[in-house]
C-alpha atoms as a PDB file:
ATOM      1  CA  MET A   1      46.501 209.204 184.497  1.00  0.00           C
ATOM      2  CA  GLN A   2      44.175 209.679 187.483  1.00  0.00           C
ATOM      3  CA  GLN A   3      41.159 209.483 185.172  1.00  0.00           C
ATOM      4  CA  PHE A   4      42.474 206.245 183.631  1.00  0.00           C
ATOM      5  CA  SER A   5      43.002 204.759 187.091  1.00  0.00           C
ATOM      6  CA  SER A   6      39.489 205.673 188.238  1.00  0.00           C
ATOM      7  CA  ILE A   7      37.783 204.349 185.104  1.00  0.00           C
ATOM      8  CA  ALA A   8      39.862 201.147 185.146  1.00  0.00           C
ATOM      9  CA  VAL A   9      39.147 200.395 188.819  1.00  0.00           C
ATOM     10  CA  PHE A  10      35.405 201.014 188.451  1.00  0.00           C
ATOM     11  CA  SER A  11      35.296 198.929 185.255  1.00  0.00           C
ATOM     12  CA  ILE A  12      37.067 196.028 186.983  1.00  0.00           C
ATOM     13  CA  ASN A  13      34.630 196.188 189.901  1.00  0.00           C
ATOM     14  CA  ILE A  14      31.633 196.184 187.540  1.00  0.00           C
ATOM     15  CA  ILE A  15      33.037 193.104 185.763  1.00  0.00           C
ATOM     16  CA  ILE A  16      33.587 191.404 189.144  1.00  0.00           C
ATOM     17  CA  SER A  17      30.039 192.207 190.272  1.00  0.00           C
ATOM     18  CA  ILE A  18      28.475 190.841 187.077  1.00  0.00           C
ATOM     19  CA  SER A  19      30.723 187.777 187.222  1.00  0.00           C
ATOM     20  CA  TYR A  20      29.621 187.030 190.785  1.00  0.00           C
ATOM     21  CA  LEU A  21      25.987 187.298 189.743  1.00  0.00           C
ATOM     22  CA  VAL A  22      26.411 184.930 186.778  1.00  0.00           C
ATOM     23  CA  LEU A  23      28.575 182.391 188.639  1.00  0.00           C
ATOM     24  CA  LEU A  24      26.263 182.308 191.643  1.00  0.00           C
ATOM     25  CA  ILE A  25      23.163 181.812 189.517  1.00  0.00           C
ATOM     26  CA  LYS A  26      24.936 178.947 187.736  1.00  0.00           C
ATOM     27  CA  LYS A  27      26.009 177.542 191.154  1.00  0.00           C
ATOM     28  CA  LYS A  28      29.664 177.473 190.054  1.00  0.00           C
ATOM     29  CA  ILE A  29      31.003 179.259 193.156  1.00  0.00           C
ATOM     30  CA  LYS A  30      30.148 179.297 196.864  1.00  0.00           C
ATOM     31  CA  PRO A  31      31.465 182.575 198.298  1.00  0.00           C
ATOM     32  CA  ALA A  32      31.075 183.111 202.042  1.00  0.00           C
ATOM     33  CA  LEU A  33      28.228 185.475 202.906  1.00  0.00           C
ATOM     34  CA  ALA A  34      29.921 186.325 206.211  1.00  0.00           C
ATOM     35  CA  MET A  35      33.040 187.616 204.456  1.00  0.00           C
ATOM     36  CA  TRP A  36      31.048 189.923 202.198  1.00  0.00           C
ATOM     37  CA  ILE A  37      28.914 191.283 205.043  1.00  0.00           C
ATOM     38  CA  PHE A  38      32.094 192.140 206.955  1.00  0.00           C
ATOM     39  CA  PHE A  39      33.519 193.574 203.752  1.00  0.00           C
ATOM     40  CA  SER A  40      30.470 195.810 203.225  1.00  0.00           C
ATOM     41  CA  LEU A  41      30.509 197.196 206.772  1.00  0.00           C
ATOM     42  CA  ALA A  42      34.267 197.656 206.905  1.00  0.00           C
ATOM     43  CA  VAL A  43      34.540 199.234 203.452  1.00  0.00           C
ATOM     44  CA  SER A  44      31.827 201.727 204.439  1.00  0.00           C
ATOM     45  CA  MET A  45      33.664 202.682 207.633  1.00  0.00           C
ATOM     46  CA  SER A  46      36.995 202.798 205.798  1.00  0.00           C
ATOM     47  CA  LEU A  47      35.682 205.320 203.282  1.00  0.00           C
ATOM     48  CA  ILE A  48      33.891 207.431 205.898  1.00  0.00           C
ATOM     49  CA  THR A  49      36.973 207.690 208.125  1.00  0.00           C
ATOM     50  CA  TYR A  50      39.252 208.321 205.128  1.00  0.00           C
ATOM     51  CA  LEU A  51      37.099 211.267 204.022  1.00  0.00           C
ATOM     52  CA  LYS A  52      36.931 212.623 207.582  1.00  0.00           C
ATOM     53  CA  GLU A  53      40.678 212.267 208.251  1.00  0.00           C
ATOM     54  CA  GLY A  54      41.852 214.568 205.462  1.00  0.00           C
ATOM     55  CA  ASN A  55      40.693 216.973 202.787  1.00  0.00           C
ATOM     56  CA  TYR A  56      39.971 214.179 200.324  1.00  0.00           C
ATOM     57  CA  GLY A  57      37.200 213.306 197.899  1.00  0.00           C
ATOM     58  CA  PHE A  58      35.711 210.010 196.738  1.00  0.00           C
ATOM     59  CA  TRP A  59      38.044 209.837 193.712  1.00  0.00           C
ATOM     60  CA  ASP A  60      41.148 210.223 195.882  1.00  0.00           C
ATOM     61  CA  ASN A  61      40.564 206.695 197.178  1.00  0.00           C
ATOM     62  CA  VAL A  62      38.875 205.263 194.099  1.00  0.00           C
ATOM     63  CA  LEU A  63      39.412 201.645 195.136  1.00  0.00           C
ATOM     64  CA  ASN A  64      37.562 202.156 198.416  1.00  0.00           C
ATOM     65  CA  THR A  65      34.753 204.015 196.628  1.00  0.00           C
ATOM     66  CA  ALA A  66      34.376 201.351 193.929  1.00  0.00           C
ATOM     67  CA  ASP A  67      34.622 198.566 196.517  1.00  0.00           C
ATOM     68  CA  LEU A  68      31.717 200.077 198.444  1.00  0.00           C
ATOM     69  CA  PHE A  69      29.312 199.693 195.513  1.00  0.00           C
ATOM     70  CA  MET A  70      30.649 196.252 194.612  1.00  0.00           C
ATOM     71  CA  ALA A  71      30.542 194.921 198.196  1.00  0.00           C
ATOM     72  CA  PHE A  72      26.886 195.793 198.743  1.00  0.00           C
ATOM     73  CA  PHE A  73      25.904 194.390 195.351  1.00  0.00           C
ATOM     74  CA  VAL A  74      27.791 191.104 195.835  1.00  0.00           C
ATOM     75  CA  THR A  75      26.483 190.706 199.404  1.00  0.00           C
ATOM     76  CA  LEU A  76      22.919 191.078 198.128  1.00  0.00           C
ATOM     77  CA  VAL A  77      23.569 188.599 195.305  1.00  0.00           C
ATOM     78  CA  ILE A  78      25.064 186.021 197.712  1.00  0.00           C
ATOM     79  CA  PHE A  79      22.156 186.504 200.122  1.00  0.00           C
ATOM     80  CA  ILE A  80      19.635 185.815 197.345  1.00  0.00           C
ATOM     81  CA  PHE A  81      21.424 183.103 195.352  1.00  0.00           C
ATOM     82  CA  GLY A  82      23.985 181.621 197.791  1.00  0.00           C
ATOM     83  CA  ASP A  83      23.571 178.173 199.360  1.00  0.00           C
ATOM     84  CA  LYS A  84      23.429 177.189 203.044  1.00  0.00           C
ATOM     85  CA  SER A  85      27.216 176.900 203.332  1.00  0.00           C
ATOM     86  CA  THR A  86      27.481 180.688 202.982  1.00  0.00           C
ATOM     87  CA  LYS A  87      25.424 181.409 206.122  1.00  0.00           C
ATOM     88  CA  PHE A  88      26.767 182.563 209.513  1.00  0.00           C
ATOM     89  CA  ASP A  89      28.321 180.321 212.156  1.00  0.00           C
ATOM     90  CA  SER A  90      29.455 181.237 215.701  1.00  0.00           C
ATOM     91  CA  PHE A  91      32.914 182.311 214.475  1.00  0.00           C
ATOM     92  CA  ASP A  92      31.367 184.689 211.942  1.00  0.00           C
ATOM     93  CA  ILE A  93      29.112 186.219 214.603  1.00  0.00           C
ATOM     94  CA  ALA A  94      32.160 186.799 216.847  1.00  0.00           C
ATOM     95  CA  CYS A  95      33.966 188.557 213.994  1.00  0.00           C
ATOM     96  CA  LEU A  96      30.908 190.710 213.363  1.00  0.00           C
ATOM     97  CA  GLY A  97      31.073 191.709 217.040  1.00  0.00           C
ATOM     98  CA  VAL A  98      34.598 193.061 216.447  1.00  0.00           C
ATOM     99  CA  VAL A  99      33.241 195.192 213.610  1.00  0.00           C
ATOM    100  CA  VAL A 100      30.585 196.642 215.915  1.00  0.00           C
ATOM    101  CA  LEU A 101      33.158 197.397 218.634  1.00  0.00           C
ATOM    102  CA  ILE A 102      35.346 199.391 216.249  1.00  0.00           C
ATOM    103  CA  ILE A 103      32.320 201.336 214.999  1.00  0.00           C
ATOM    104  CA  ILE A 104      31.410 202.138 218.625  1.00  0.00           C
ATOM    105  CA  PHE A 105      35.025 203.237 219.241  1.00  0.00           C
ATOM    106  CA  TRP A 106      34.782 205.636 216.294  1.00  0.00           C
ATOM    107  CA  VAL A 107      31.408 207.051 217.395  1.00  0.00           C
ATOM    108  CA  ILE A 108      32.788 207.766 220.882  1.00  0.00           C
ATOM    109  CA  THR A 109      36.315 208.986 220.059  1.00  0.00           C
ATOM    110  CA  LYS A 110      35.919 210.400 216.518  1.00  0.00           C
ATOM    111  CA  ASN A 111      39.502 209.204 215.985  1.00  0.00           C
ATOM    112  CA  HIS A 112      39.380 208.706 212.229  1.00  0.00           C
ATOM    113  CA  LEU A 113      42.982 207.517 211.809  1.00  0.00           C
ATOM    114  CA  LEU A 114      42.909 204.727 214.424  1.00  0.00           C
ATOM    115  CA  THR A 115      39.426 203.680 213.342  1.00  0.00           C
ATOM    116  CA  ASN A 116      40.515 203.461 209.719  1.00  0.00           C
ATOM    117  CA  LEU A 117      43.530 201.326 210.638  1.00  0.00           C
ATOM    118  CA  GLY A 118      41.274 199.163 212.797  1.00  0.00           C
ATOM    119  CA  VAL A 119      38.962 198.780 209.831  1.00  0.00           C
ATOM    120  CA  GLN A 120      41.846 197.520 207.692  1.00  0.00           C
ATOM    121  CA  LEU A 121      42.326 194.845 210.350  1.00  0.00           C
ATOM    122  CA  ILE A 122      38.632 193.968 210.048  1.00  0.00           C
ATOM    123  CA  LEU A 123      39.025 193.676 206.307  1.00  0.00           C
ATOM    124  CA  ILE A 124      41.747 191.087 206.929  1.00  0.00           C
ATOM    125  CA  ILE A 125      39.582 189.305 209.518  1.00  0.00           C
ATOM    126  CA  ALA A 126      36.775 189.200 206.950  1.00  0.00           C
ATOM    127  CA  TYR A 127      38.863 186.794 204.870  1.00  0.00           C
ATOM    128  CA  ILE A 128      39.281 184.324 207.732  1.00  0.00           C
ATOM    129  CA  PRO A 129      36.067 182.301 207.080  1.00  0.00           C
ATOM    130  CA  VAL A 130      37.120 181.747 203.466  1.00  0.00           C
ATOM    131  CA  ILE A 131      40.773 181.043 204.387  1.00  0.00           C
ATOM    132  CA  LYS A 132      39.631 178.608 207.088  1.00  0.00           C
ATOM    133  CA  ARG A 133      37.405 176.793 204.611  1.00  0.00           C
ATOM    134  CA  MET A 134      40.070 176.711 201.913  1.00  0.00           C
ATOM    135  CA  LEU A 135      42.710 175.243 204.241  1.00  0.00           C
ATOM    136  CA  THR A 136      40.556 172.143 204.733  1.00  0.00           C
ATOM    137  CA  ALA A 137      38.773 172.020 201.364  1.00  0.00           C
ATOM    138  CA  ASN A 138      39.397 169.390 198.719  1.00  0.00           C
ATOM    139  CA  GLU A 139      37.821 171.536 196.037  1.00  0.00           C
ATOM    140  CA  ASN A 140      38.276 175.180 195.077  1.00  0.00           C
ATOM    141  CA  THR A 141      34.929 176.988 195.343  1.00  0.00           C
ATOM    142  CA  GLU A 142      36.261 180.406 194.333  1.00  0.00           C
ATOM    143  CA  SER A 143      36.810 181.899 190.883  1.00  0.00           C
ATOM    144  CA  PHE A 144      40.412 182.543 189.778  1.00  0.00           C
ATOM    145  CA  PHE A 145      39.143 185.143 187.284  1.00  0.00           C
ATOM    146  CA  ILE A 146      37.373 187.178 189.978  1.00  0.00           C
ATOM    147  CA  TRP A 147      40.202 187.053 192.528  1.00  0.00           C
ATOM    148  CA  ILE A 148      42.849 187.959 189.955  1.00  0.00           C
ATOM    149  CA  LEU A 149      40.763 191.034 189.079  1.00  0.00           C
ATOM    150  CA  LEU A 150      40.411 191.789 192.798  1.00  0.00           C
ATOM    151  CA  MET A 151      44.214 191.761 193.002  1.00  0.00           C
ATOM    152  CA  ILE A 152      44.764 193.891 189.871  1.00  0.00           C
ATOM    153  CA  ALA A 153      42.360 196.694 190.873  1.00  0.00           C
ATOM    154  CA  PRO A 154      44.351 197.839 193.940  1.00  0.00           C
ATOM    155  CA  PHE A 155      47.575 197.939 191.914  1.00  0.00           C
ATOM    156  CA  ILE A 156      45.909 200.275 189.404  1.00  0.00           C
ATOM    157  CA  SER A 157      44.334 202.376 192.170  1.00  0.00           C
ATOM    158  CA  LEU A 158      47.794 203.211 193.559  1.00  0.00           C
ATOM    159  CA  ILE A 159      48.283 205.454 190.501  1.00  0.00           C
ATOM    160  CA  SER A 160      45.647 207.908 191.717  1.00  0.00           C
ATOM    161  CA  SER A 161      45.529 207.232 195.477  1.00  0.00           C
ATOM    162  CA  LYS A 162      46.022 210.256 197.715  1.00  0.00           C
ATOM    163  CA  GLY A 163      47.123 210.017 201.326  1.00  0.00           C
ATOM    164  CA  VAL A 164      48.622 207.282 203.471  1.00  0.00           C
ATOM    165  CA  LEU A 165      45.256 205.693 204.287  1.00  0.00           C
ATOM    166  CA  ALA A 166      44.392 205.200 200.602  1.00  0.00           C
ATOM    167  CA  THR A 167      47.761 203.493 200.098  1.00  0.00           C
ATOM    168  CA  VAL A 168      47.262 201.315 203.190  1.00  0.00           C
ATOM    169  CA  TYR A 169      43.830 200.298 201.859  1.00  0.00           C
ATOM    170  CA  ALA A 170      45.276 199.252 198.486  1.00  0.00           C
ATOM    171  CA  VAL A 171      48.287 197.400 199.944  1.00  0.00           C
ATOM    172  CA  ARG A 172      46.027 195.536 202.383  1.00  0.00           C
ATOM    173  CA  ALA A 173      43.792 194.497 199.471  1.00  0.00           C
ATOM    174  CA  ILE A 174      46.794 193.270 197.474  1.00  0.00           C
ATOM    175  CA  PHE A 175      48.049 191.206 200.433  1.00  0.00           C
ATOM    176  CA  CYS A 176      44.652 189.592 201.141  1.00  0.00           C
ATOM    177  CA  THR A 177      43.798 188.741 197.545  1.00  0.00           C
ATOM    178  CA  THR A 178      47.281 187.349 196.904  1.00  0.00           C
ATOM    179  CA  LEU A 179      46.983 185.103 199.967  1.00  0.00           C
ATOM    180  CA  LEU A 180      43.644 183.780 198.750  1.00  0.00           C
ATOM    181  CA  LEU A 181      45.014 183.123 195.272  1.00  0.00           C
ATOM    182  CA  VAL A 182      47.930 181.183 196.776  1.00  0.00           C
ATOM    183  CA  LEU A 183      45.464 179.011 198.718  1.00  0.00           C
ATOM    184  CA  MET A 184      43.412 178.450 195.558  1.00  0.00           C
ATOM    185  CA  VAL A 185      46.533 177.324 193.683  1.00  0.00           C
ATOM    186  CA  ARG A 186      47.380 175.030 196.619  1.00  0.00           C
ATOM    187  CA  ILE A 187      43.970 173.329 196.421  1.00  0.00           C
ATOM    188  CA  GLU A 188      44.236 172.867 192.649  1.00  0.00           C
ATOM    189  CA  THR A 189      47.780 171.455 193.001  1.00  0.00           C
ATOM    190  CA  GLN A 190      46.696 168.959 195.684  1.00  0.00           C
ATOM    191  CA  LYS A 191      43.707 167.956 193.573  1.00  0.00           C
ATOM    192  CA  ARG A 192      45.929 167.212 190.567  1.00  0.00           C
ATOM    193  CA  LYS A 193      48.383 165.222 192.716  1.00  0.00           C
ATOM    194  CA  GLN A 194      45.524 163.107 194.078  1.00  0.00           C
ATOM    195  CA  ALA A 195      44.185 162.538 190.557  1.00  0.00           C
ATOM    196  CA  SER A 196      47.602 161.440 189.284  1.00  0.00           C
ATOM    197  CA  THR A 197      48.079 159.128 192.300  1.00  0.00           C
ATOM    198  CA  LYS A 198      44.782 157.345 191.557  1.00  0.00           C
ATOM    199  CA  LYS A 199      45.930 156.674 188.006  1.00  0.00           C
END
């Protein structure tokens, strides 16, 4: 069962990565570069502190391991093919500062548990630029297909996750992706209401 979970999670992340590449090249989505940069840094720290906190291997937190490869790939793809709306603003820079502070805290204290939990907070903060944009947007710029896969992967990873921190990582991912999907549905619903009103 653990092998199935690992293969399934990695396969989903590969599909997501390829989908991002194709959709970005076709200009069908506009993901926020800031979110994925935060995601890359935080996922790296999450995995490092998870491995340091207990006697665990990469496969014991397969979602975090798979996310690491996907995050760096997607960030690079957005950086190359993304449009100007995906660049940093002052809010994004402030959030990046929080990431740096938690990394400094870890370097000084070597407290892997608190750092890991702080990183999970960063991973929630990383969604704020997209959530902020989606609360005021009239059009959905994200892919339902990709975000549904991003929600499914953590559910599957719970089968093979070992340790509290791996579970926290997966549950946090489920919460964040579900919230984003709800906002995407909200935008689509409002768009349909406006279209029917015009008729």
